[in-house]
């Protein structure tokens, strides 16, 4: 079992904002998310190779998402992002268990 200082469940807008502020305060952060890239449902990132030619057409939320992802990139060296992680248990003792790839962790 590995002890972590701060664990954030989900790399959506709330999780990313929490990670940015927590990392800026000097706390070690680990994010667990089931998706391959951060952003969640609202700020989902496009697949590699897809290019946005008219970002203004995607609206205000797209610009907000890009700003948040940029802020996350600035603290990325202080945040451990465990993508493709499916959390399957959280105990009263603040222990969690998750699958990532073919392995399980607790």
PDB file of N, CA and C in Angstrom:
ATOM      1  N   UNK A   1       0.845  -1.174   0.000  1.00  0.00           N
ATOM      2  CA  UNK A   1       0.000   0.000   0.000  1.00  0.00           C
ATOM      3  C   UNK A   1       0.892   1.239   0.000  1.00  0.00           C
ATOM      4  N   UNK A   2       0.556   2.171  -0.853  1.00  0.00           N
ATOM      5  CA  UNK A   2       1.308   3.416  -0.996  1.00  0.00           C
ATOM      6  C   UNK A   2       0.526   4.546  -0.346  1.00  0.00           C
ATOM      7  N   UNK A   3       1.180   5.360   0.474  1.00  0.00           N
ATOM      8  CA  UNK A   3       0.519   6.512   1.086  1.00  0.00           C
ATOM      9  C   UNK A   3       0.695   7.729   0.195  1.00  0.00           C
ATOM     10  N   UNK A   4      -0.394   8.458   0.010  1.00  0.00           N
ATOM     11  CA  UNK A   4      -0.376   9.654  -0.818  1.00  0.00           C
ATOM     12  C   UNK A   4      -0.821  10.843   0.012  1.00  0.00           C
ATOM     13  N   UNK A   5      -0.225  11.994  -0.249  1.00  0.00           N
ATOM     14  CA  UNK A   5      -0.569  13.195   0.511  1.00  0.00           C
ATOM     15  C   UNK A   5      -1.956  13.718   0.141  1.00  0.00           C
ATOM     16  N   UNK A   6      -2.254  13.786  -1.160  1.00  0.00           N
ATOM     17  CA  UNK A   6      -3.545  14.282  -1.636  1.00  0.00           C
ATOM     18  C   UNK A   6      -3.938  13.492  -2.868  1.00  0.00           C
ATOM     19  N   UNK A   7      -5.140  12.934  -2.846  1.00  0.00           N
ATOM     20  CA  UNK A   7      -5.666  12.198  -3.996  1.00  0.00           C
ATOM     21  C   UNK A   7      -6.920  12.905  -4.472  1.00  0.00           C
ATOM     22  N   UNK A   8      -6.988  13.147  -5.770  1.00  0.00           N
ATOM     23  CA  UNK A   8      -8.162  13.760  -6.387  1.00  0.00           C
ATOM     24  C   UNK A   8      -8.766  12.715  -7.313  1.00  0.00           C
ATOM     25  N   UNK A   9     -10.061  12.487  -7.149  1.00  0.00           N
ATOM     26  CA  UNK A   9     -10.760  11.506  -7.973  1.00  0.00           C
ATOM     27  C   UNK A   9     -11.421  12.221  -9.141  1.00  0.00           C
ATOM     28  N   UNK A  10     -10.831  12.066 -10.307  1.00  0.00           N
ATOM     29  CA  UNK A  10     -11.375  12.673 -11.512  1.00  0.00           C
ATOM     30  C   UNK A  10     -10.566  13.855 -12.002  1.00  0.00           C
ATOM     31  N   UNK A  11     -10.280  13.860 -13.306  1.00  0.00           N
ATOM     32  CA  UNK A  11      -9.519  14.942 -13.932  1.00  0.00           C
ATOM     33  C   UNK A  11     -10.417  15.809 -14.797  1.00  0.00           C
ATOM     34  N   UNK A  12     -11.651  16.005 -14.329  1.00  0.00           N
ATOM     35  CA  UNK A  12     -12.557  16.939 -14.975  1.00  0.00           C
ATOM     36  C   UNK A  12     -12.246  18.352 -14.509  1.00  0.00           C
ATOM     37  N   UNK A  13     -13.101  19.309 -14.818  1.00  0.00           N
ATOM     38  CA  UNK A  13     -12.831  20.702 -14.447  1.00  0.00           C
ATOM     39  C   UNK A  13     -12.560  20.901 -12.954  1.00  0.00           C
ATOM     40  N   UNK A  14     -13.388  20.301 -12.092  1.00  0.00           N
ATOM     41  CA  UNK A  14     -13.195  20.458 -10.650  1.00  0.00           C
ATOM     42  C   UNK A  14     -11.908  19.826 -10.169  1.00  0.00           C
ATOM     43  N   UNK A  15     -11.617  18.625 -10.656  1.00  0.00           N
ATOM     44  CA  UNK A  15     -10.398  17.931 -10.266  1.00  0.00           C
ATOM     45  C   UNK A  15      -9.150  18.659 -10.732  1.00  0.00           C
ATOM     46  N   UNK A  16      -9.184  19.177 -11.957  1.00  0.00           N
ATOM     47  CA  UNK A  16      -8.034  19.920 -12.474  1.00  0.00           C
ATOM     48  C   UNK A  16      -7.806  21.208 -11.703  1.00  0.00           C
ATOM     49  N   UNK A  17      -8.889  21.939 -11.421  1.00  0.00           N
ATOM     50  CA  UNK A  17      -8.756  23.184 -10.660  1.00  0.00           C
ATOM     51  C   UNK A  17      -8.207  22.895  -9.264  1.00  0.00           C
ATOM     52  N   UNK A  18      -8.703  21.833  -8.622  1.00  0.00           N
ATOM     53  CA  UNK A  18      -8.199  21.460  -7.292  1.00  0.00           C
ATOM     54  C   UNK A  18      -6.730  21.068  -7.364  1.00  0.00           C
ATOM     55  N   UNK A  19      -6.346  20.337  -8.388  1.00  0.00           N
ATOM     56  CA  UNK A  19      -4.954  19.918  -8.535  1.00  0.00           C
ATOM     57  C   UNK A  19      -4.033  21.116  -8.740  1.00  0.00           C
ATOM     58  N   UNK A  20      -4.457  22.067  -9.555  1.00  0.00           N
ATOM     59  CA  UNK A  20      -3.647  23.261  -9.812  1.00  0.00           C
ATOM     60  C   UNK A  20      -3.406  24.017  -8.510  1.00  0.00           C
ATOM     61  N   UNK A  21      -4.475  24.279  -7.759  1.00  0.00           N
ATOM     62  CA  UNK A  21      -4.332  25.048  -6.517  1.00  0.00           C
ATOM     63  C   UNK A  21      -3.538  24.278  -5.472  1.00  0.00           C
ATOM     64  N   UNK A  22      -3.766  22.972  -5.379  1.00  0.00           N
ATOM     65  CA  UNK A  22      -3.055  22.155  -4.402  1.00  0.00           C
ATOM     66  C   UNK A  22      -1.571  22.085  -4.732  1.00  0.00           C
ATOM     67  N   UNK A  23      -1.243  21.876  -5.999  1.00  0.00           N
ATOM     68  CA  UNK A  23       0.165  21.811  -6.406  1.00  0.00           C
ATOM     69  C   UNK A  23       0.859  23.149  -6.180  1.00  0.00           C
ATOM     70  N   UNK A  24       0.161  24.243  -6.451  1.00  0.00           N
ATOM     71  CA  UNK A  24       0.747  25.570  -6.228  1.00  0.00           C
ATOM     72  C   UNK A  24       1.049  25.809  -4.752  1.00  0.00           C
ATOM     73  N   UNK A  25       0.300  25.148  -3.863  1.00  0.00           N
ATOM     74  CA  UNK A  25       0.529  25.329  -2.432  1.00  0.00           C
ATOM     75  C   UNK A  25       1.642  24.423  -1.904  1.00  0.00           C
ATOM     76  N   UNK A  26       2.196  23.589  -2.776  1.00  0.00           N
ATOM     77  CA  UNK A  26       3.322  22.753  -2.386  1.00  0.00           C
ATOM     78  C   UNK A  26       2.962  21.351  -1.936  1.00  0.00           C
ATOM     79  N   UNK A  27       1.695  20.984  -2.016  1.00  0.00           N
ATOM     80  CA  UNK A  27       1.250  19.657  -1.609  1.00  0.00           C
ATOM     81  C   UNK A  27       1.405  18.687  -2.783  1.00  0.00           C
ATOM     82  N   UNK A  28       1.847  17.478  -2.497  1.00  0.00           N
ATOM     83  CA  UNK A  28       1.984  16.442  -3.505  1.00  0.00           C
ATOM     84  C   UNK A  28       0.602  15.930  -3.903  1.00  0.00           C
ATOM     85  N   UNK A  29       0.307  15.894  -5.203  1.00  0.00           N
ATOM     86  CA  UNK A  29      -1.026  15.565  -5.703  1.00  0.00           C
ATOM     87  C   UNK A  29      -0.973  14.360  -6.632  1.00  0.00           C
ATOM     88  N   UNK A  30      -1.939  13.462  -6.462  1.00  0.00           N
ATOM     89  CA  UNK A  30      -2.163  12.359  -7.390  1.00  0.00           C
ATOM     90  C   UNK A  30      -3.613  12.433  -7.845  1.00  0.00           C
ATOM     91  N   UNK A  31      -3.825  12.368  -9.163  1.00  0.00           N
ATOM     92  CA  UNK A  31      -5.178  12.354  -9.731  1.00  0.00           C
ATOM     93  C   UNK A  31      -5.414  10.975 -10.342  1.00  0.00           C
ATOM     94  N   UNK A  32      -6.581  10.415 -10.056  1.00  0.00           N
ATOM     95  CA  UNK A  32      -7.010   9.170 -10.689  1.00  0.00           C
ATOM     96  C   UNK A  32      -8.180   9.491 -11.611  1.00  0.00           C
ATOM     97  N   UNK A  33      -8.093   9.067 -12.862  1.00  0.00           N
ATOM     98  CA  UNK A  33      -9.177   9.316 -13.811  1.00  0.00           C
ATOM     99  C   UNK A  33      -9.277   8.145 -14.771  1.00  0.00           C
ATOM    100  N   UNK A  34     -10.504   7.828 -15.176  1.00  0.00           N
ATOM    101  CA  UNK A  34     -10.707   6.676 -16.055  1.00  0.00           C
ATOM    102  C   UNK A  34     -10.425   6.970 -17.529  1.00  0.00           C
ATOM    103  N   UNK A  35     -10.260   8.221 -17.888  1.00  0.00           N
ATOM    104  CA  UNK A  35     -10.038   8.598 -19.283  1.00  0.00           C
ATOM    105  C   UNK A  35      -8.543   8.685 -19.607  1.00  0.00           C
ATOM    106  N   UNK A  36      -8.190   8.635 -20.890  1.00  0.00           N
ATOM    107  CA  UNK A  36      -6.779   8.713 -21.266  1.00  0.00           C
ATOM    108  C   UNK A  36      -6.186  10.119 -21.187  1.00  0.00           C
ATOM    109  N   UNK A  37      -7.052  11.156 -21.150  1.00  0.00           N
ATOM    110  CA  UNK A  37      -6.577  12.540 -21.086  1.00  0.00           C
ATOM    111  C   UNK A  37      -7.426  13.322 -20.097  1.00  0.00           C
ATOM    112  N   UNK A  38      -6.837  14.324 -19.439  1.00  0.00           N
ATOM    113  CA  UNK A  38      -7.623  15.142 -18.518  1.00  0.00           C
ATOM    114  C   UNK A  38      -8.605  16.045 -19.256  1.00  0.00           C
ATOM    115  N   UNK A  39      -9.598  16.528 -18.535  1.00  0.00           N
ATOM    116  CA  UNK A  39     -10.585  17.451 -19.108  1.00  0.00           C
ATOM    117  C   UNK A  39     -12.009  17.072 -18.786  1.00  0.00           C
ATOM    118  N   UNK A  40     -12.254  15.803 -18.523  1.00  0.00           N
ATOM    119  CA  UNK A  40     -13.595  15.359 -18.185  1.00  0.00           C
ATOM    120  C   UNK A  40     -14.555  15.455 -19.352  1.00  0.00           C
ATOM    121  N   UNK A  41     -15.831  15.388 -19.057  1.00  0.00           N
ATOM    122  CA  UNK A  41     -16.858  15.450 -20.092  1.00  0.00           C
ATOM    123  C   UNK A  41     -16.989  16.858 -20.675  1.00  0.00           C
ATOM    124  N   UNK A  42     -16.781  17.876 -19.834  1.00  0.00           N
ATOM    125  CA  UNK A  42     -16.986  19.249 -20.281  1.00  0.00           C
ATOM    126  C   UNK A  42     -15.823  19.748 -21.137  1.00  0.00           C
ATOM    127  N   UNK A  43     -14.588  19.504 -20.688  1.00  0.00           N
ATOM    128  CA  UNK A  43     -13.410  20.000 -21.406  1.00  0.00           C
ATOM    129  C   UNK A  43     -12.630  18.852 -22.042  1.00  0.00           C
ATOM    130  N   UNK A  44     -13.365  17.883 -22.571  1.00  0.00           N
ATOM    131  CA  UNK A  44     -12.724  16.711 -23.186  1.00  0.00           C
ATOM    132  C   UNK A  44     -11.760  17.167 -24.284  1.00  0.00           C
ATOM    133  N   UNK A  45     -10.574  16.583 -24.262  1.00  0.00           N
ATOM    134  CA  UNK A  45      -9.579  16.925 -25.276  1.00  0.00           C
ATOM    135  C   UNK A  45      -9.812  16.084 -26.526  1.00  0.00           C
ATOM    136  N   UNK A  46      -9.495  16.665 -27.650  1.00  0.00           N
ATOM    137  CA  UNK A  46      -9.636  15.954 -28.911  1.00  0.00           C
ATOM    138  C   UNK A  46      -8.532  14.914 -29.064  1.00  0.00           C
ATOM    139  N   UNK A  47      -8.797  13.934 -29.893  1.00  0.00           N
ATOM    140  CA  UNK A  47      -7.806  12.893 -30.173  1.00  0.00           C
ATOM    141  C   UNK A  47      -6.597  13.498 -30.873  1.00  0.00           C
ATOM    142  N   UNK A  48      -5.432  12.872 -30.671  1.00  0.00           N
ATOM    143  CA  UNK A  48      -4.222  13.316 -31.365  1.00  0.00           C
ATOM    144  C   UNK A  48      -4.480  13.299 -32.872  1.00  0.00           C
ATOM    145  N   UNK A  49      -3.987  14.288 -33.550  1.00  0.00           N
ATOM    146  CA  UNK A  49      -4.166  14.381 -34.989  1.00  0.00           C
ATOM    147  C   UNK A  49      -5.357  15.247 -35.383  1.00  0.00           C
ATOM    148  N   UNK A  50      -6.257  15.500 -34.450  1.00  0.00           N
ATOM    149  CA  UNK A  50      -7.412  16.358 -34.718  1.00  0.00           C
ATOM    150  C   UNK A  50      -6.992  17.793 -34.460  1.00  0.00           C
ATOM    151  N   UNK A  51      -7.285  18.679 -35.387  1.00  0.00           N
ATOM    152  CA  UNK A  51      -6.851  20.072 -35.273  1.00  0.00           C
ATOM    153  C   UNK A  51      -8.057  21.004 -35.271  1.00  0.00           C
ATOM    154  N   UNK A  52      -8.073  21.926 -34.318  1.00  0.00           N
ATOM    155  CA  UNK A  52      -9.130  22.934 -34.252  1.00  0.00           C
ATOM    156  C   UNK A  52      -8.688  24.108 -35.111  1.00  0.00           C
ATOM    157  N   UNK A  53      -9.436  24.400 -36.155  1.00  0.00           N
ATOM    158  CA  UNK A  53      -9.060  25.495 -37.052  1.00  0.00           C
ATOM    159  C   UNK A  53      -9.775  26.800 -36.717  1.00  0.00           C
ATOM    160  N   UNK A  54     -10.923  26.714 -36.038  1.00  0.00           N
ATOM    161  CA  UNK A  54     -11.680  27.911 -35.655  1.00  0.00           C
ATOM    162  C   UNK A  54     -12.126  27.780 -34.194  1.00  0.00           C
ATOM    163  N   UNK A  55     -11.217  28.023 -33.227  1.00  0.00           N
ATOM    164  CA  UNK A  55     -11.580  27.836 -31.827  1.00  0.00           C
ATOM    165  C   UNK A  55     -12.761  28.692 -31.388  1.00  0.00           C
ATOM    166  N   UNK A  56     -12.951  29.856 -31.988  1.00  0.00           N
ATOM    167  CA  UNK A  56     -14.070  30.716 -31.635  1.00  0.00           C
ATOM    168  C   UNK A  56     -15.419  30.069 -31.893  1.00  0.00           C
ATOM    169  N   UNK A  57     -15.463  29.152 -32.835  1.00  0.00           N
ATOM    170  CA  UNK A  57     -16.710  28.458 -33.159  1.00  0.00           C
ATOM    171  C   UNK A  57     -17.119  27.485 -32.061  1.00  0.00           C
ATOM    172  N   UNK A  58     -16.186  27.114 -31.196  1.00  0.00           N
ATOM    173  CA  UNK A  58     -16.484  26.142 -30.147  1.00  0.00           C
ATOM    174  C   UNK A  58     -17.020  26.796 -28.882  1.00  0.00           C
ATOM    175  N   UNK A  59     -17.045  28.107 -28.836  1.00  0.00           N
ATOM    176  CA  UNK A  59     -17.688  28.822 -27.746  1.00  0.00           C
ATOM    177  C   UNK A  59     -16.808  29.114 -26.540  1.00  0.00           C
ATOM    178  N   UNK A  60     -17.448  29.763 -25.573  1.00  0.00           N
ATOM    179  CA  UNK A  60     -16.784  30.239 -24.362  1.00  0.00           C
ATOM    180  C   UNK A  60     -16.222  29.085 -23.521  1.00  0.00           C
ATOM    181  N   UNK A  61     -16.972  27.985 -23.428  1.00  0.00           N
ATOM    182  CA  UNK A  61     -16.504  26.862 -22.611  1.00  0.00           C
ATOM    183  C   UNK A  61     -15.215  26.260 -23.153  1.00  0.00           C
ATOM    184  N   UNK A  62     -15.069  26.234 -24.468  1.00  0.00           N
ATOM    185  CA  UNK A  62     -13.834  25.705 -25.046  1.00  0.00           C
ATOM    186  C   UNK A  62     -12.645  26.563 -24.612  1.00  0.00           C
ATOM    187  N   UNK A  63     -12.797  27.874 -24.655  1.00  0.00           N
ATOM    188  CA  UNK A  63     -11.714  28.778 -24.241  1.00  0.00           C
ATOM    189  C   UNK A  63     -11.404  28.600 -22.758  1.00  0.00           C
ATOM    190  N   UNK A  64     -12.446  28.460 -21.923  1.00  0.00           N
ATOM    191  CA  UNK A  64     -12.238  28.233 -20.487  1.00  0.00           C
ATOM    192  C   UNK A  64     -11.499  26.919 -20.255  1.00  0.00           C
ATOM    193  N   UNK A  65     -11.868  25.904 -20.999  1.00  0.00           N
ATOM    194  CA  UNK A  65     -11.210  24.605 -20.874  1.00  0.00           C
ATOM    195  C   UNK A  65      -9.753  24.668 -21.264  1.00  0.00           C
ATOM    196  N   UNK A  66      -9.457  25.381 -22.341  1.00  0.00           N
ATOM    197  CA  UNK A  66      -8.071  25.511 -22.784  1.00  0.00           C
ATOM    198  C   UNK A  66      -7.230  26.247 -21.745  1.00  0.00           C
ATOM    199  N   UNK A  67      -7.821  27.263 -21.109  1.00  0.00           N
ATOM    200  CA  UNK A  67      -7.123  28.007 -20.063  1.00  0.00           C
ATOM    201  C   UNK A  67      -6.828  27.102 -18.868  1.00  0.00           C
ATOM    202  N   UNK A  68      -7.816  26.318 -18.436  1.00  0.00           N
ATOM    203  CA  UNK A  68      -7.619  25.414 -17.312  1.00  0.00           C
ATOM    204  C   UNK A  68      -6.583  24.336 -17.635  1.00  0.00           C
ATOM    205  N   UNK A  69      -6.646  23.776 -18.833  1.00  0.00           N
ATOM    206  CA  UNK A  69      -5.661  22.763 -19.231  1.00  0.00           C
ATOM    207  C   UNK A  69      -4.258  23.361 -19.297  1.00  0.00           C
ATOM    208  N   UNK A  70      -4.159  24.607 -19.707  1.00  0.00           N
ATOM    209  CA  UNK A  70      -2.870  25.295 -19.736  1.00  0.00           C
ATOM    210  C   UNK A  70      -2.331  25.496 -18.311  1.00  0.00           C
ATOM    211  N   UNK A  71      -3.200  25.902 -17.387  1.00  0.00           N
ATOM    212  CA  UNK A  71      -2.793  26.056 -15.991  1.00  0.00           C
ATOM    213  C   UNK A  71      -2.335  24.714 -15.414  1.00  0.00           C
ATOM    214  N   UNK A  72      -3.051  23.641 -15.770  1.00  0.00           N
ATOM    215  CA  UNK A  72      -2.669  22.306 -15.317  1.00  0.00           C
ATOM    216  C   UNK A  72      -1.295  21.924 -15.870  1.00  0.00           C
ATOM    217  N   UNK A  73      -1.042  22.235 -17.133  1.00  0.00           N
ATOM    218  CA  UNK A  73       0.261  21.941 -17.738  1.00  0.00           C
ATOM    219  C   UNK A  73       1.402  22.638 -16.999  1.00  0.00           C
ATOM    220  N   UNK A  74       1.129  23.827 -16.440  1.00  0.00           N
ATOM    221  CA  UNK A  74       2.178  24.568 -15.734  1.00  0.00           C
ATOM    222  C   UNK A  74       2.574  23.910 -14.413  1.00  0.00           C
ATOM    223  N   UNK A  75       1.702  23.104 -13.825  1.00  0.00           N
ATOM    224  CA  UNK A  75       2.031  22.423 -12.570  1.00  0.00           C
ATOM    225  C   UNK A  75       2.171  20.913 -12.769  1.00  0.00           C
ATOM    226  N   UNK A  76       2.123  20.480 -14.012  1.00  0.00           N
ATOM    227  CA  UNK A  76       2.105  19.049 -14.339  1.00  0.00           C
ATOM    228  C   UNK A  76       3.282  18.291 -13.749  1.00  0.00           C
ATOM    229  N   UNK A  77       4.436  18.942 -13.594  1.00  0.00           N
ATOM    230  CA  UNK A  77       5.599  18.267 -13.029  1.00  0.00           C
ATOM    231  C   UNK A  77       5.428  17.989 -11.537  1.00  0.00           C
ATOM    232  N   UNK A  78       4.414  18.588 -10.908  1.00  0.00           N
ATOM    233  CA  UNK A  78       4.141  18.384  -9.479  1.00  0.00           C
ATOM    234  C   UNK A  78       2.897  17.540  -9.238  1.00  0.00           C
ATOM    235  N   UNK A  79       2.303  17.031 -10.318  1.00  0.00           N
ATOM    236  CA  UNK A  79       1.077  16.245 -10.206  1.00  0.00           C
ATOM    237  C   UNK A  79       1.284  14.900 -10.882  1.00  0.00           C
ATOM    238  N   UNK A  80       0.942  13.830 -10.171  1.00  0.00           N
ATOM    239  CA  UNK A  80       0.973  12.493 -10.759  1.00  0.00           C
ATOM    240  C   UNK A  80      -0.436  12.206 -11.285  1.00  0.00           C
ATOM    241  N   UNK A  81      -0.560  12.054 -12.592  1.00  0.00           N
ATOM    242  CA  UNK A  81      -1.850  11.755 -13.210  1.00  0.00           C
ATOM    243  C   UNK A  81      -1.866  10.279 -13.584  1.00  0.00           C
ATOM    244  N   UNK A  82      -2.734   9.532 -12.931  1.00  0.00           N
ATOM    245  CA  UNK A  82      -2.904   8.123 -13.259  1.00  0.00           C
ATOM    246  C   UNK A  82      -4.154   7.997 -14.118  1.00  0.00           C
ATOM    247  N   UNK A  83      -3.943   7.984 -15.432  1.00  0.00           N
ATOM    248  CA  UNK A  83      -5.061   7.887 -16.370  1.00  0.00           C
ATOM    249  C   UNK A  83      -5.479   6.431 -16.534  1.00  0.00           C
ATOM    250  N   UNK A  84      -6.589   6.228 -17.200  1.00  0.00           N
ATOM    251  CA  UNK A  84      -7.122   4.885 -17.418  1.00  0.00           C
ATOM    252  C   UNK A  84      -7.242   4.101 -16.115  1.00  0.00           C
ATOM    253  N   UNK A  85      -7.600   4.797 -15.045  1.00  0.00           N
ATOM    254  CA  UNK A  85      -7.733   4.188 -13.722  1.00  0.00           C
ATOM    255  C   UNK A  85      -9.206   4.152 -13.324  1.00  0.00           C
ATOM    256  N   UNK A  86      -9.696   2.984 -12.981  1.00  0.00           N
ATOM    257  CA  UNK A  86     -11.082   2.808 -12.557  1.00  0.00           C
ATOM    258  C   UNK A  86     -11.096   2.479 -11.067  1.00  0.00           C
ATOM    259  N   UNK A  87     -11.627   3.405 -10.280  1.00  0.00           N
ATOM    260  CA  UNK A  87     -11.704   3.220  -8.830  1.00  0.00           C
ATOM    261  C   UNK A  87     -12.852   2.267  -8.540  1.00  0.00           C
ATOM    262  N   UNK A  88     -12.596   1.257  -7.723  1.00  0.00           N
ATOM    263  CA  UNK A  88     -13.652   0.296  -7.428  1.00  0.00           C
ATOM    264  C   UNK A  88     -13.962   0.163  -5.938  1.00  0.00           C
ATOM    265  N   UNK A  89     -13.186   0.815  -5.081  1.00  0.00           N
ATOM    266  CA  UNK A  89     -13.499   0.760  -3.651  1.00  0.00           C
ATOM    267  C   UNK A  89     -12.884   1.946  -2.928  1.00  0.00           C
ATOM    268  N   UNK A  90     -13.621   2.438  -1.930  1.00  0.00           N
ATOM    269  CA  UNK A  90     -13.133   3.490  -1.043  1.00  0.00           C
ATOM    270  C   UNK A  90     -13.626   3.135   0.350  1.00  0.00           C
ATOM    271  N   UNK A  91     -12.688   2.902   1.263  1.00  0.00           N
ATOM    272  CA  UNK A  91     -13.071   2.456   2.601  1.00  0.00           C
ATOM    273  C   UNK A  91     -13.179   3.622   3.570  1.00  0.00           C
ATOM    274  N   UNK A  92     -13.744   3.344   4.732  1.00  0.00           N
ATOM    275  CA  UNK A  92     -13.865   4.360   5.769  1.00  0.00           C
ATOM    276  C   UNK A  92     -12.501   4.830   6.261  1.00  0.00           C
ATOM    277  N   UNK A  93     -11.486   4.028   6.100  1.00  0.00           N
ATOM    278  CA  UNK A  93     -10.142   4.391   6.542  1.00  0.00           C
ATOM    279  C   UNK A  93      -9.365   5.181   5.507  1.00  0.00           C
ATOM    280  N   UNK A  94     -10.053   5.790   4.545  1.00  0.00           N
ATOM    281  CA  UNK A  94      -9.428   6.579   3.481  1.00  0.00           C
ATOM    282  C   UNK A  94      -8.483   5.754   2.613  1.00  0.00           C
ATOM    283  N   UNK A  95      -8.795   4.487   2.447  1.00  0.00           N
ATOM    284  CA  UNK A  95      -8.049   3.635   1.528  1.00  0.00           C
ATOM    285  C   UNK A  95      -8.889   3.446   0.279  1.00  0.00           C
ATOM    286  N   UNK A  96      -8.241   3.489  -0.862  1.00  0.00           N
ATOM    287  CA  UNK A  96      -8.970   3.248  -2.092  1.00  0.00           C
ATOM    288  C   UNK A  96      -8.305   2.160  -2.889  1.00  0.00           C
ATOM    289  N   UNK A  97      -9.091   1.549  -3.744  1.00  0.00           N
ATOM    290  CA  UNK A  97      -8.596   0.500  -4.620  1.00  0.00           C
ATOM    291  C   UNK A  97      -9.025   0.837  -6.041  1.00  0.00           C
ATOM    292  N   UNK A  98      -8.136   0.559  -6.994  1.00  0.00           N
ATOM    293  CA  UNK A  98      -8.458   0.867  -8.382  1.00  0.00           C
ATOM    294  C   UNK A  98      -7.741  -0.083  -9.320  1.00  0.00           C
ATOM    295  N   UNK A  99      -8.276  -0.189 -10.516  1.00  0.00           N
ATOM    296  CA  UNK A  99      -7.651  -0.944 -11.607  1.00  0.00           C
ATOM    297  C   UNK A  99      -7.029   0.061 -12.551  1.00  0.00           C
ATOM    298  N   UNK A 100      -5.892  -0.317 -13.086  1.00  0.00           N
ATOM    299  CA  UNK A 100      -5.246   0.479 -14.129  1.00  0.00           C
ATOM    300  C   UNK A 100      -4.573  -0.500 -15.065  1.00  0.00           C
ATOM    301  N   UNK A 101      -5.067  -0.558 -16.280  1.00  0.00           N
ATOM    302  CA  UNK A 101      -4.575  -1.572 -17.208  1.00  0.00           C
ATOM    303  C   UNK A 101      -4.992  -2.945 -16.701  1.00  0.00           C
ATOM    304  N   UNK A 102      -4.057  -3.838 -16.611  1.00  0.00           N
ATOM    305  CA  UNK A 102      -4.337  -5.204 -16.155  1.00  0.00           C
ATOM    306  C   UNK A 102      -4.084  -5.386 -14.665  1.00  0.00           C
ATOM    307  N   UNK A 103      -3.653  -4.353 -13.968  1.00  0.00           N
ATOM    308  CA  UNK A 103      -3.266  -4.465 -12.566  1.00  0.00           C
ATOM    309  C   UNK A 103      -4.269  -3.783 -11.635  1.00  0.00           C
ATOM    310  N   UNK A 104      -4.346  -4.277 -10.410  1.00  0.00           N
ATOM    311  CA  UNK A 104      -5.163  -3.673  -9.358  1.00  0.00           C
ATOM    312  C   UNK A 104      -4.233  -3.107  -8.290  1.00  0.00           C
ATOM    313  N   UNK A 105      -4.645  -2.001  -7.685  1.00  0.00           N
ATOM    314  CA  UNK A 105      -3.847  -1.335  -6.650  1.00  0.00           C
ATOM    315  C   UNK A 105      -4.747  -0.974  -5.481  1.00  0.00           C
ATOM    316  N   UNK A 106      -4.146  -0.927  -4.311  1.00  0.00           N
ATOM    317  CA  UNK A 106      -4.884  -0.449  -3.137  1.00  0.00           C
ATOM    318  C   UNK A 106      -3.914   0.271  -2.204  1.00  0.00           C
TER     319      UNK A 106
END
